[in-house]
Amino acid sequence: MNVPAQIKAYLANHPEPKRSDMQTLHQQIMHLMPECKLWLLNGRDDKGKVVSNPNIGYGSQTMKYVDAKKNKEFYQIGLSANTKGISVYIIGIEDKTYLSKNLW
Protein backbone atom coordinates (compact mmCIF):
# COMPACT_ATOMS: atom_id res chain seq x y z
CA MET A 1 0.00 0.00 0.00
CA ASN A 2 1.42 3.43 -0.92
CA VAL A 3 1.78 6.21 1.64
CA PRO A 4 -1.32 8.22 0.59
CA ALA A 5 -3.42 5.04 0.89
CA GLN A 6 -1.85 4.26 4.28
CA ILE A 7 -2.65 7.80 5.46
CA LYS A 8 -6.24 7.47 4.26
CA ALA A 9 -6.59 4.18 6.20
CA TYR A 10 -4.94 5.70 9.30
CA LEU A 11 -7.34 8.65 9.26
CA ALA A 12 -10.39 6.43 8.68
CA ASN A 13 -9.43 4.29 11.68
CA HIS A 14 -10.23 7.01 14.23
CA PRO A 15 -13.65 7.54 15.80
CA GLU A 16 -15.60 10.75 15.27
CA PRO A 17 -15.12 13.61 15.90
CA LYS A 18 -11.35 13.01 15.87
CA ARG A 19 -11.55 11.47 12.37
CA SER A 20 -13.12 14.57 10.83
CA ASP A 21 -10.74 16.89 12.67
CA MET A 22 -7.70 14.89 11.51
CA GLN A 23 -9.00 14.79 7.92
CA THR A 24 -9.56 18.56 7.96
CA LEU A 25 -6.04 19.22 9.25
CA HIS A 26 -4.61 16.82 6.65
CA GLN A 27 -6.51 18.56 3.85
CA GLN A 28 -5.38 22.00 5.03
CA ILE A 29 -1.72 20.96 5.17
CA MET A 30 -1.99 19.35 1.73
CA HIS A 31 -3.58 22.55 0.39
CA LEU A 32 -0.63 24.58 1.70
CA MET A 33 2.03 22.03 0.69
CA PRO A 34 0.57 20.08 -2.27
CA GLU A 35 3.90 18.72 -3.52
CA CYS A 36 5.40 17.80 -0.15
CA LYS A 37 6.82 14.41 0.66
CA LEU A 38 4.36 12.35 2.73
CA TRP A 39 5.35 10.03 5.54
CA LEU A 40 3.44 7.61 7.73
CA LEU A 41 5.34 6.41 10.76
CA ASN A 42 3.76 3.51 12.59
CA GLY A 43 5.21 4.42 15.99
CA ARG A 44 7.47 1.37 16.24
CA ASP A 45 11.25 1.22 16.46
CA ASP A 46 13.51 -1.10 14.45
CA LYS A 47 12.77 -3.94 16.87
CA GLY A 48 8.99 -3.53 16.54
CA LYS A 49 8.54 -2.00 19.98
CA VAL A 50 5.89 0.74 20.23
CA VAL A 51 7.72 3.97 21.06
CA SER A 52 5.19 6.62 19.98
CA ASN A 53 1.76 7.11 18.50
CA PRO A 54 1.57 6.63 14.72
CA ASN A 55 1.92 9.91 12.87
CA ILE A 56 1.66 11.51 9.46
CA GLY A 57 4.63 13.56 8.29
CA TYR A 58 4.70 16.33 5.70
CA GLY A 59 7.73 17.74 3.91
CA SER A 60 11.37 16.83 4.23
CA GLN A 61 14.43 18.24 5.93
CA THR A 62 17.83 17.00 7.01
CA MET A 63 18.15 16.70 10.76
CA LYS A 64 21.73 17.18 11.95
CA TYR A 65 22.73 15.33 15.07
CA VAL A 66 24.70 17.11 17.78
CA ASP A 67 27.82 15.06 17.15
CA ALA A 68 27.56 16.07 13.44
CA LYS A 69 28.70 12.59 12.42
CA LYS A 70 25.38 11.63 10.90
CA ASN A 71 22.28 13.23 9.47
CA LYS A 72 18.77 11.92 9.00
CA GLU A 73 15.97 12.88 6.67
CA PHE A 74 12.81 13.67 8.60
CA TYR A 75 9.51 15.48 8.10
CA GLN A 76 8.84 19.18 8.84
CA ILE A 77 5.27 18.90 10.11
CA GLY A 78 3.79 15.94 11.99
CA LEU A 79 0.17 15.09 12.78
CA SER A 80 -0.75 12.48 15.36
CA ALA A 81 -3.83 11.34 17.23
CA ASN A 82 -3.45 10.58 20.92
CA THR A 83 -5.77 9.64 23.76
CA LYS A 84 -6.49 13.25 24.72
CA GLY A 85 -6.72 14.80 21.25
CA ILE A 86 -4.50 15.63 18.30
CA SER A 87 -0.86 16.72 18.28
CA VAL A 88 0.71 18.88 15.58
CA TYR A 89 4.50 18.96 15.48
CA ILE A 90 6.45 21.74 13.78
CA ILE A 91 10.05 20.59 13.51
CA GLY A 92 13.27 22.32 12.59
CA ILE A 93 12.39 26.00 12.91
CA GLU A 94 15.62 27.77 13.77
CA ASP A 95 13.88 30.90 15.11
CA LYS A 96 12.19 29.51 18.23
CA THR A 97 9.97 32.61 18.43
CA TYR A 98 8.67 32.39 14.83
CA LEU A 99 5.35 30.69 15.61
CA SER A 100 4.46 32.91 18.53
CA LYS A 101 5.32 36.03 16.52
CA ASN A 102 3.40 34.95 13.42
CA LEU A 103 0.41 32.98 14.72
CA TRP A 104 -0.65 34.64 17.97
PDB file of N, CA and C in Angstrom:
ATOM      1  N   MET A   1       0.855  -1.170   0.000  1.00  0.00           N
ATOM      2  CA  MET A   1       0.000   0.000   0.000  1.00  0.00           C
ATOM      3  C   MET A   1       0.907   1.241   0.000  1.00  0.00           C
ATOM      4  N   ASN A   2       0.610   2.215  -0.857  1.00  0.00           N
ATOM      5  CA  ASN A   2       1.424   3.426  -0.920  1.00  0.00           C
ATOM      6  C   ASN A   2       1.100   4.352   0.255  1.00  0.00           C
ATOM      7  N   VAL A   3       1.938   5.346   0.466  1.00  0.00           N
ATOM      8  CA  VAL A   3       1.783   6.211   1.636  1.00  0.00           C
ATOM      9  C   VAL A   3       0.443   6.952   1.646  1.00  0.00           C
ATOM     10  N   PRO A   4      -0.011   7.572   0.532  1.00  0.00           N
ATOM     11  CA  PRO A   4      -1.325   8.225   0.591  1.00  0.00           C
ATOM     12  C   PRO A   4      -2.455   7.261   0.987  1.00  0.00           C
ATOM     13  N   ALA A   5      -2.400   6.032   0.517  1.00  0.00           N
ATOM     14  CA  ALA A   5      -3.423   5.043   0.892  1.00  0.00           C
ATOM     15  C   ALA A   5      -3.291   4.662   2.371  1.00  0.00           C
ATOM     16  N   GLN A   6      -2.068   4.557   2.866  1.00  0.00           N
ATOM     17  CA  GLN A   6      -1.855   4.263   4.282  1.00  0.00           C
ATOM     18  C   GLN A   6      -2.381   5.399   5.155  1.00  0.00           C
ATOM     19  N   ILE A   7      -2.156   6.635   4.720  1.00  0.00           N
ATOM     20  CA  ILE A   7      -2.653   7.796   5.464  1.00  0.00           C
ATOM     21  C   ILE A   7      -4.176   7.793   5.483  1.00  0.00           C
ATOM     22  N   LYS A   8      -4.781   7.515   4.340  1.00  0.00           N
ATOM     23  CA  LYS A   8      -6.245   7.467   4.264  1.00  0.00           C
ATOM     24  C   LYS A   8      -6.793   6.415   5.235  1.00  0.00           C
ATOM     25  N   ALA A   9      -6.158   5.247   5.294  1.00  0.00           N
ATOM     26  CA  ALA A   9      -6.591   4.184   6.204  1.00  0.00           C
ATOM     27  C   ALA A   9      -6.369   4.598   7.663  1.00  0.00           C
ATOM     28  N   TYR A  10      -5.235   5.238   7.937  1.00  0.00           N
ATOM     29  CA  TYR A  10      -4.935   5.702   9.296  1.00  0.00           C
ATOM     30  C   TYR A  10      -5.995   6.704   9.764  1.00  0.00           C
ATOM     31  N   LEU A  11      -6.333   7.658   8.903  1.00  0.00           N
ATOM     32  CA  LEU A  11      -7.339   8.653   9.260  1.00  0.00           C
ATOM     33  C   LEU A  11      -8.714   8.015   9.458  1.00  0.00           C
ATOM     34  N   ALA A  12      -9.072   7.081   8.604  1.00  0.00           N
ATOM     35  CA  ALA A  12     -10.389   6.432   8.682  1.00  0.00           C
ATOM     36  C   ALA A  12     -10.533   5.570   9.926  1.00  0.00           C
ATOM     37  N   ASN A  13      -9.425   5.191  10.528  1.00  0.00           N
ATOM     38  CA  ASN A  13      -9.432   4.285  11.676  1.00  0.00           C
ATOM     39  C   ASN A  13      -9.818   4.971  12.988  1.00  0.00           C
ATOM     40  N   HIS A  14      -9.917   6.290  12.993  1.00  0.00           N
ATOM     41  CA  HIS A  14     -10.230   7.013  14.226  1.00  0.00           C
ATOM     42  C   HIS A  14     -11.729   7.252  14.359  1.00  0.00           C
ATOM     43  N   PRO A  15     -12.229   7.251  15.583  1.00  0.00           N
ATOM     44  CA  PRO A  15     -13.653   7.541  15.797  1.00  0.00           C
ATOM     45  C   PRO A  15     -13.932   9.038  15.608  1.00  0.00           C
ATOM     46  N   GLU A  16     -15.180   9.345  15.333  1.00  0.00           N
ATOM     47  CA  GLU A  16     -15.598  10.752  15.267  1.00  0.00           C
ATOM     48  C   GLU A  16     -15.617  11.321  16.678  1.00  0.00           C
ATOM     49  N   PRO A  17     -15.372  12.586  16.898  1.00  0.00           N
ATOM     50  CA  PRO A  17     -15.118  13.613  15.899  1.00  0.00           C
ATOM     51  C   PRO A  17     -13.649  13.734  15.509  1.00  0.00           C
ATOM     52  N   LYS A  18     -12.784  12.924  16.151  1.00  0.00           N
ATOM     53  CA  LYS A  18     -11.350  13.014  15.866  1.00  0.00           C
ATOM     54  C   LYS A  18     -11.058  12.747  14.391  1.00  0.00           C
ATOM     55  N   ARG A  19     -11.770  11.801  13.782  1.00  0.00           N
ATOM     56  CA  ARG A  19     -11.548  11.469  12.372  1.00  0.00           C
ATOM     57  C   ARG A  19     -11.728  12.709  11.491  1.00  0.00           C
ATOM     58  N   SER A  20     -12.844  13.388  11.647  1.00  0.00           N
ATOM     59  CA  SER A  20     -13.118  14.574  10.833  1.00  0.00           C
ATOM     60  C   SER A  20     -12.100  15.680  11.087  1.00  0.00           C
ATOM     61  N   ASP A  21     -11.736  15.867  12.340  1.00  0.00           N
ATOM     62  CA  ASP A  21     -10.742  16.894  12.673  1.00  0.00           C
ATOM     63  C   ASP A  21      -9.388  16.572  12.037  1.00  0.00           C
ATOM     64  N   MET A  22      -8.971  15.316  12.124  1.00  0.00           N
ATOM     65  CA  MET A  22      -7.698  14.894  11.508  1.00  0.00           C
ATOM     66  C   MET A  22      -7.760  15.057   9.992  1.00  0.00           C
ATOM     67  N   GLN A  23      -8.868  14.662   9.381  1.00  0.00           N
ATOM     68  CA  GLN A  23      -9.003  14.789   7.925  1.00  0.00           C
ATOM     69  C   GLN A  23      -8.961  16.256   7.504  1.00  0.00           C
ATOM     70  N   THR A  24      -9.589  17.133   8.275  1.00  0.00           N
ATOM     71  CA  THR A  24      -9.561  18.559   7.962  1.00  0.00           C
ATOM     72  C   THR A  24      -8.145  19.114   8.054  1.00  0.00           C
ATOM     73  N   LEU A  25      -7.425  18.773   9.115  1.00  0.00           N
ATOM     74  CA  LEU A  25      -6.042  19.222   9.254  1.00  0.00           C
ATOM     75  C   LEU A  25      -5.186  18.690   8.104  1.00  0.00           C
ATOM     76  N   HIS A  26      -5.359  17.424   7.759  1.00  0.00           N
ATOM     77  CA  HIS A  26      -4.611  16.824   6.648  1.00  0.00           C
ATOM     78  C   HIS A  26      -4.892  17.579   5.348  1.00  0.00           C
ATOM     79  N   GLN A  27      -6.148  17.846   5.074  1.00  0.00           N
ATOM     80  CA  GLN A  27      -6.514  18.563   3.847  1.00  0.00           C
ATOM     81  C   GLN A  27      -5.927  19.968   3.825  1.00  0.00           C
ATOM     82  N   GLN A  28      -5.933  20.645   4.960  1.00  0.00           N
ATOM     83  CA  GLN A  28      -5.377  21.999   5.029  1.00  0.00           C
ATOM     84  C   GLN A  28      -3.872  21.992   4.777  1.00  0.00           C
ATOM     85  N   ILE A  29      -3.172  21.051   5.380  1.00  0.00           N
ATOM     86  CA  ILE A  29      -1.723  20.962   5.167  1.00  0.00           C
ATOM     87  C   ILE A  29      -1.436  20.635   3.710  1.00  0.00           C
ATOM     88  N   MET A  30      -2.199  19.712   3.142  1.00  0.00           N
ATOM     89  CA  MET A  30      -1.989  19.354   1.735  1.00  0.00           C
ATOM     90  C   MET A  30      -2.310  20.518   0.802  1.00  0.00           C
ATOM     91  N   HIS A  31      -3.263  21.357   1.182  1.00  0.00           N
ATOM     92  CA  HIS A  31      -3.583  22.548   0.388  1.00  0.00           C
ATOM     93  C   HIS A  31      -2.395  23.521   0.398  1.00  0.00           C
ATOM     94  N   LEU A  32      -1.767  23.668   1.566  1.00  0.00           N
ATOM     95  CA  LEU A  32      -0.630  24.585   1.701  1.00  0.00           C
ATOM     96  C   LEU A  32       0.662  24.017   1.131  1.00  0.00           C
ATOM     97  N   MET A  33       0.793  22.685   1.143  1.00  0.00           N
ATOM     98  CA  MET A  33       2.026  22.026   0.693  1.00  0.00           C
ATOM     99  C   MET A  33       1.691  20.870  -0.255  1.00  0.00           C
ATOM    100  N   PRO A  34       1.080  21.153  -1.410  1.00  0.00           N
ATOM    101  CA  PRO A  34       0.571  20.077  -2.268  1.00  0.00           C
ATOM    102  C   PRO A  34       1.628  19.121  -2.820  1.00  0.00           C
ATOM    103  N   GLU A  35       2.843  19.564  -2.948  1.00  0.00           N
ATOM    104  CA  GLU A  35       3.903  18.718  -3.519  1.00  0.00           C
ATOM    105  C   GLU A  35       4.836  18.125  -2.468  1.00  0.00           C
ATOM    106  N   CYS A  36       4.490  18.254  -1.194  1.00  0.00           N
ATOM    107  CA  CYS A  36       5.399  17.801  -0.146  1.00  0.00           C
ATOM    108  C   CYS A  36       5.509  16.278  -0.103  1.00  0.00           C
ATOM    109  N   LYS A  37       6.629  15.838   0.416  1.00  0.00           N
ATOM    110  CA  LYS A  37       6.816  14.409   0.661  1.00  0.00           C
ATOM    111  C   LYS A  37       5.898  14.011   1.814  1.00  0.00           C
ATOM    112  N   LEU A  38       5.230  12.869   1.677  1.00  0.00           N
ATOM    113  CA  LEU A  38       4.355  12.350   2.728  1.00  0.00           C
ATOM    114  C   LEU A  38       5.026  11.174   3.431  1.00  0.00           C
ATOM    115  N   TRP A  39       4.817  11.094   4.706  1.00  0.00           N
ATOM    116  CA  TRP A  39       5.347  10.026   5.540  1.00  0.00           C
ATOM    117  C   TRP A  39       4.199   9.442   6.364  1.00  0.00           C
ATOM    118  N   LEU A  40       4.302   8.174   6.704  1.00  0.00           N
ATOM    119  CA  LEU A  40       3.436   7.608   7.732  1.00  0.00           C
ATOM    120  C   LEU A  40       4.324   6.729   8.600  1.00  0.00           C
ATOM    121  N   LEU A  41       4.530   7.172   9.822  1.00  0.00           N
ATOM    122  CA  LEU A  41       5.344   6.409  10.765  1.00  0.00           C
ATOM    123  C   LEU A  41       4.407   5.639  11.676  1.00  0.00           C
ATOM    124  N   ASN A  42       4.678   4.356  11.836  1.00  0.00           N
ATOM    125  CA  ASN A  42       3.760   3.506  12.589  1.00  0.00           C
ATOM    126  C   ASN A  42       3.975   3.544  14.099  1.00  0.00           C
ATOM    127  N   GLY A  43       4.973   4.282  14.556  1.00  0.00           N
ATOM    128  CA  GLY A  43       5.211   4.416  15.993  1.00  0.00           C
ATOM    129  C   GLY A  43       6.062   3.313  16.589  1.00  0.00           C
ATOM    130  N   ARG A  44       6.647   2.476  15.744  1.00  0.00           N
ATOM    131  CA  ARG A  44       7.473   1.370  16.245  1.00  0.00           C
ATOM    132  C   ARG A  44       8.939   1.591  15.880  1.00  0.00           C
ATOM    133  N   ASP A  45       9.823   1.117  16.758  1.00  0.00           N
ATOM    134  CA  ASP A  45      11.246   1.221  16.459  1.00  0.00           C
ATOM    135  C   ASP A  45      11.690   0.053  15.574  1.00  0.00           C
ATOM    136  N   ASP A  46      12.985  -0.050  15.322  1.00  0.00           N
ATOM    137  CA  ASP A  46      13.512  -1.096  14.446  1.00  0.00           C
ATOM    138  C   ASP A  46      13.257  -2.509  14.966  1.00  0.00           C
ATOM    139  N   LYS A  47      13.017  -2.634  16.263  1.00  0.00           N
ATOM    140  CA  LYS A  47      12.766  -3.943  16.867  1.00  0.00           C
ATOM    141  C   LYS A  47      11.279  -4.252  16.972  1.00  0.00           C
ATOM    142  N   GLY A  48      10.426  -3.317  16.501  1.00  0.00           N
ATOM    143  CA  GLY A  48       8.987  -3.528  16.537  1.00  0.00           C
ATOM    144  C   GLY A  48       8.315  -3.079  17.813  1.00  0.00           C
ATOM    145  N   LYS A  49       9.093  -2.480  18.719  1.00  0.00           N
ATOM    146  CA  LYS A  49       8.540  -2.003  19.983  1.00  0.00           C
ATOM    147  C   LYS A  49       7.822  -0.670  19.750  1.00  0.00           C
ATOM    148  N   VAL A  50       6.628  -0.515  20.342  1.00  0.00           N
ATOM    149  CA  VAL A  50       5.885   0.735  20.226  1.00  0.00           C
ATOM    150  C   VAL A  50       6.597   1.802  21.056  1.00  0.00           C
ATOM    151  N   VAL A  51       7.005   2.887  20.384  1.00  0.00           N
ATOM    152  CA  VAL A  51       7.720   3.968  21.064  1.00  0.00           C
ATOM    153  C   VAL A  51       6.993   5.312  20.960  1.00  0.00           C
ATOM    154  N   SER A  52       5.968   5.383  20.119  1.00  0.00           N
ATOM    155  CA  SER A  52       5.188   6.621  19.976  1.00  0.00           C
ATOM    156  C   SER A  52       3.861   6.292  19.307  1.00  0.00           C
ATOM    157  N   ASN A  53       2.979   7.276  19.260  1.00  0.00           N
ATOM    158  CA  ASN A  53       1.755   7.114  18.495  1.00  0.00           C
ATOM    159  C   ASN A  53       2.101   7.175  17.015  1.00  0.00           C
ATOM    160  N   PRO A  54       1.363   6.475  16.155  1.00  0.00           N
ATOM    161  CA  PRO A  54       1.575   6.630  14.717  1.00  0.00           C
ATOM    162  C   PRO A  54       1.375   8.096  14.334  1.00  0.00           C
ATOM    163  N   ASN A  55       2.077   8.530  13.297  1.00  0.00           N
ATOM    164  CA  ASN A  55       1.919   9.909  12.872  1.00  0.00           C
ATOM    165  C   ASN A  55       2.163  10.087  11.387  1.00  0.00           C
ATOM    166  N   ILE A  56       1.513  11.123  10.855  1.00  0.00           N
ATOM    167  CA  ILE A  56       1.662  11.509   9.461  1.00  0.00           C
ATOM    168  C   ILE A  56       2.717  12.604   9.429  1.00  0.00           C
ATOM    169  N   GLY A  57       3.620  12.531   8.459  1.00  0.00           N
ATOM    170  CA  GLY A  57       4.631  13.562   8.291  1.00  0.00           C
ATOM    171  C   GLY A  57       4.466  14.245   6.943  1.00  0.00           C
ATOM    172  N   TYR A  58       4.809  15.519   6.911  1.00  0.00           N
ATOM    173  CA  TYR A  58       4.700  16.332   5.704  1.00  0.00           C
ATOM    174  C   TYR A  58       6.014  17.069   5.482  1.00  0.00           C
ATOM    175  N   GLY A  59       6.513  17.034   4.251  1.00  0.00           N
ATOM    176  CA  GLY A  59       7.735  17.744   3.913  1.00  0.00           C
ATOM    177  C   GLY A  59       8.962  16.917   4.210  1.00  0.00           C
ATOM    178  N   SER A  60      10.111  17.529   4.015  1.00  0.00           N
ATOM    179  CA  SER A  60      11.372  16.828   4.229  1.00  0.00           C
ATOM    180  C   SER A  60      12.451  17.832   4.605  1.00  0.00           C
ATOM    181  N   GLN A  61      13.274  17.441   5.537  1.00  0.00           N
ATOM    182  CA  GLN A  61      14.427  18.236   5.930  1.00  0.00           C
ATOM    183  C   GLN A  61      15.511  17.302   6.427  1.00  0.00           C
ATOM    184  N   THR A  62      16.723  17.791   6.489  1.00  0.00           N
ATOM    185  CA  THR A  62      17.825  16.997   7.011  1.00  0.00           C
ATOM    186  C   THR A  62      18.072  17.415   8.450  1.00  0.00           C
ATOM    187  N   MET A  63      17.904  16.458   9.344  1.00  0.00           N
ATOM    188  CA  MET A  63      18.155  16.697  10.759  1.00  0.00           C
ATOM    189  C   MET A  63      19.629  16.406  11.023  1.00  0.00           C
ATOM    190  N   LYS A  64      20.313  17.346  11.642  1.00  0.00           N
ATOM    191  CA  LYS A  64      21.728  17.184  11.951  1.00  0.00           C
ATOM    192  C   LYS A  64      21.865  16.845  13.425  1.00  0.00           C
ATOM    193  N   TYR A  65      22.527  15.735  13.688  1.00  0.00           N
ATOM    194  CA  TYR A  65      22.734  15.325  15.069  1.00  0.00           C
ATOM    195  C   TYR A  65      23.818  16.179  15.723  1.00  0.00           C
ATOM    196  N   VAL A  66      23.777  16.273  17.031  1.00  0.00           N
ATOM    197  CA  VAL A  66      24.699  17.112  17.783  1.00  0.00           C
ATOM    198  C   VAL A  66      26.143  16.750  17.493  1.00  0.00           C
ATOM    199  N   ASP A  67      26.433  15.472  17.394  1.00  0.00           N
ATOM    200  CA  ASP A  67      27.819  15.063  17.149  1.00  0.00           C
ATOM    201  C   ASP A  67      28.249  15.317  15.702  1.00  0.00           C
ATOM    202  N   ALA A  68      27.311  15.716  14.845  1.00  0.00           N
ATOM    203  CA  ALA A  68      27.559  16.073  13.436  1.00  0.00           C
ATOM    204  C   ALA A  68      28.175  14.936  12.622  1.00  0.00           C
ATOM    205  N   LYS A  69      28.133  13.723  13.152  1.00  0.00           N
ATOM    206  CA  LYS A  69      28.695  12.592  12.415  1.00  0.00           C
ATOM    207  C   LYS A  69      27.667  11.930  11.520  1.00  0.00           C
ATOM    208  N   LYS A  70      26.404  12.187  11.779  1.00  0.00           N
ATOM    209  CA  LYS A  70      25.384  11.629  10.903  1.00  0.00           C
ATOM    210  C   LYS A  70      24.195  12.566  10.817  1.00  0.00           C
ATOM    211  N   ASN A  71      23.481  12.448   9.723  1.00  0.00           N
ATOM    212  CA  ASN A  71      22.279  13.233   9.468  1.00  0.00           C
ATOM    213  C   ASN A  71      21.155  12.268   9.155  1.00  0.00           C
ATOM    214  N   LYS A  72      19.936  12.758   9.278  1.00  0.00           N
ATOM    215  CA  LYS A  72      18.775  11.921   9.005  1.00  0.00           C
ATOM    216  C   LYS A  72      17.708  12.764   8.334  1.00  0.00           C
ATOM    217  N   GLU A  73      17.099  12.218   7.288  1.00  0.00           N
ATOM    218  CA  GLU A  73      15.969  12.883   6.670  1.00  0.00           C
ATOM    219  C   GLU A  73      14.752  12.681   7.567  1.00  0.00           C
ATOM    220  N   PHE A  74      13.991  13.752   7.747  1.00  0.00           N
ATOM    221  CA  PHE A  74      12.811  13.672   8.598  1.00  0.00           C
ATOM    222  C   PHE A  74      11.789  14.689   8.103  1.00  0.00           C
ATOM    223  N   TYR A  75      10.549  14.559   8.551  1.00  0.00           N
ATOM    224  CA  TYR A  75       9.514  15.479   8.102  1.00  0.00           C
ATOM    225  C   TYR A  75       9.605  16.826   8.815  1.00  0.00           C
ATOM    226  N   GLN A  76       8.872  17.831   8.259  1.00  0.00           N
ATOM    227  CA  GLN A  76       8.840  19.176   8.838  1.00  0.00           C
ATOM    228  C   GLN A  76       7.629  19.392   9.728  1.00  0.00           C
ATOM    229  N   ILE A  77       6.501  18.788   9.345  1.00  0.00           N
ATOM    230  CA  ILE A  77       5.266  18.904  10.113  1.00  0.00           C
ATOM    231  C   ILE A  77       4.756  17.499  10.396  1.00  0.00           C
ATOM    232  N   GLY A  78       4.341  17.243  11.617  1.00  0.00           N
ATOM    233  CA  GLY A  78       3.790  15.945  11.987  1.00  0.00           C
ATOM    234  C   GLY A  78       2.382  16.103  12.547  1.00  0.00           C
ATOM    235  N   LEU A  79       1.561  15.105  12.305  1.00  0.00           N
ATOM    236  CA  LEU A  79       0.174  15.094  12.780  1.00  0.00           C
ATOM    237  C   LEU A  79      -0.093  13.737  13.403  1.00  0.00           C
ATOM    238  N   SER A  80      -0.560  13.734  14.645  1.00  0.00           N
ATOM    239  CA  SER A  80      -0.745  12.481  15.357  1.00  0.00           C
ATOM    240  C   SER A  80      -1.956  12.542  16.276  1.00  0.00           C
ATOM    241  N   ALA A  81      -2.729  11.465  16.281  1.00  0.00           N
ATOM    242  CA  ALA A  81      -3.833  11.338  17.231  1.00  0.00           C
ATOM    243  C   ALA A  81      -3.287  10.728  18.510  1.00  0.00           C
ATOM    244  N   ASN A  82      -3.826  11.183  19.644  1.00  0.00           N
ATOM    245  CA  ASN A  82      -3.450  10.580  20.920  1.00  0.00           C
ATOM    246  C   ASN A  82      -4.712  10.447  21.766  1.00  0.00           C
ATOM    247  N   THR A  83      -4.580   9.917  22.950  1.00  0.00           N
ATOM    248  CA  THR A  83      -5.767   9.640  23.757  1.00  0.00           C
ATOM    249  C   THR A  83      -6.526  10.901  24.157  1.00  0.00           C
ATOM    250  N   LYS A  84      -5.845  12.012  24.292  1.00  0.00           N
ATOM    251  CA  LYS A  84      -6.487  13.255  24.721  1.00  0.00           C
ATOM    252  C   LYS A  84      -6.900  14.158  23.563  1.00  0.00           C
ATOM    253  N   GLY A  85      -6.399  13.916  22.370  1.00  0.00           N
ATOM    254  CA  GLY A  85      -6.723  14.801  21.254  1.00  0.00           C
ATOM    255  C   GLY A  85      -5.834  14.570  20.054  1.00  0.00           C
ATOM    256  N   ILE A  86      -5.329  15.660  19.499  1.00  0.00           N
ATOM    257  CA  ILE A  86      -4.499  15.630  18.298  1.00  0.00           C
ATOM    258  C   ILE A  86      -3.259  16.476  18.569  1.00  0.00           C
ATOM    259  N   SER A  87      -2.104  15.966  18.162  1.00  0.00           N
ATOM    260  CA  SER A  87      -0.860  16.721  18.283  1.00  0.00           C
ATOM    261  C   SER A  87      -0.390  17.135  16.899  1.00  0.00           C
ATOM    262  N   VAL A  88       0.090  18.378  16.798  1.00  0.00           N
ATOM    263  CA  VAL A  88       0.709  18.877  15.577  1.00  0.00           C
ATOM    264  C   VAL A  88       2.130  19.260  15.948  1.00  0.00           C
ATOM    265  N   TYR A  89       3.093  18.711  15.225  1.00  0.00           N
ATOM    266  CA  TYR A  89       4.504  18.961  15.482  1.00  0.00           C
ATOM    267  C   TYR A  89       5.073  19.818  14.368  1.00  0.00           C
ATOM    268  N   ILE A  90       5.745  20.888  14.730  1.00  0.00           N
ATOM    269  CA  ILE A  90       6.447  21.744  13.785  1.00  0.00           C
ATOM    270  C   ILE A  90       7.927  21.575  14.134  1.00  0.00           C
ATOM    271  N   ILE A  91       8.692  21.009  13.198  1.00  0.00           N
ATOM    272  CA  ILE A  91      10.054  20.592  13.515  1.00  0.00           C
ATOM    273  C   ILE A  91      11.071  21.360  12.671  1.00  0.00           C
ATOM    274  N   GLY A  92      12.143  21.757  13.316  1.00  0.00           N
ATOM    275  CA  GLY A  92      13.269  22.324  12.593  1.00  0.00           C
ATOM    276  C   GLY A  92      13.230  23.810  12.349  1.00  0.00           C
ATOM    277  N   ILE A  93      12.394  24.543  13.062  1.00  0.00           N
ATOM    278  CA  ILE A  93      12.385  25.999  12.906  1.00  0.00           C
ATOM    279  C   ILE A  93      13.541  26.562  13.730  1.00  0.00           C
ATOM    280  N   GLU A  94      14.458  27.233  13.062  1.00  0.00           N
ATOM    281  CA  GLU A  94      15.620  27.767  13.773  1.00  0.00           C
ATOM    282  C   GLU A  94      15.246  28.914  14.710  1.00  0.00           C
ATOM    283  N   ASP A  95      14.332  29.792  14.276  1.00  0.00           N
ATOM    284  CA  ASP A  95      13.876  30.898  15.109  1.00  0.00           C
ATOM    285  C   ASP A  95      12.786  30.367  16.035  1.00  0.00           C
ATOM    286  N   LYS A  96      13.120  30.114  17.266  1.00  0.00           N
ATOM    287  CA  LYS A  96      12.192  29.511  18.226  1.00  0.00           C
ATOM    288  C   LYS A  96      11.018  30.427  18.579  1.00  0.00           C
ATOM    289  N   THR A  97      11.060  31.683  18.171  1.00  0.00           N
ATOM    290  CA  THR A  97       9.966  32.612  18.434  1.00  0.00           C
ATOM    291  C   THR A  97       9.075  32.805  17.208  1.00  0.00           C
ATOM    292  N   TYR A  98       9.386  32.176  16.082  1.00  0.00           N
ATOM    293  CA  TYR A  98       8.673  32.390  14.830  1.00  0.00           C
ATOM    294  C   TYR A  98       7.164  32.142  14.964  1.00  0.00           C
ATOM    295  N   LEU A  99       6.777  31.010  15.520  1.00  0.00           N
ATOM    296  CA  LEU A  99       5.354  30.687  15.613  1.00  0.00           C
ATOM    297  C   LEU A  99       4.607  31.663  16.500  1.00  0.00           C
ATOM    298  N   SER A 100       5.163  31.983  17.645  1.00  0.00           N
ATOM    299  CA  SER A 100       4.465  32.909  18.535  1.00  0.00           C
ATOM    300  C   SER A 100       4.373  34.307  17.928  1.00  0.00           C
ATOM    301  N   LYS A 101       5.351  34.716  17.165  1.00  0.00           N
ATOM    302  CA  LYS A 101       5.323  36.029  16.517  1.00  0.00           C
ATOM    303  C   LYS A 101       4.343  36.071  15.347  1.00  0.00           C
ATOM    304  N   ASN A 102       4.171  34.965  14.656  1.00  0.00           N
ATOM    305  CA  ASN A 102       3.398  34.954  13.423  1.00  0.00           C
ATOM    306  C   ASN A 102       2.010  34.341  13.528  1.00  0.00           C
ATOM    307  N   LEU A 103       1.720  33.632  14.594  1.00  0.00           N
ATOM    308  CA  LEU A 103       0.413  32.983  14.719  1.00  0.00           C
ATOM    309  C   LEU A 103      -0.444  33.540  15.835  1.00  0.00           C
ATOM    310  N   TRP A 104       0.142  34.171  16.832  1.00  0.00           N
ATOM    311  CA  TRP A 104      -0.648  34.639  17.967  1.00  0.00           C
ATOM    312  C   TRP A 104      -0.483  36.108  18.166  1.00  0.00           C
TER     313      TRP A 104
END
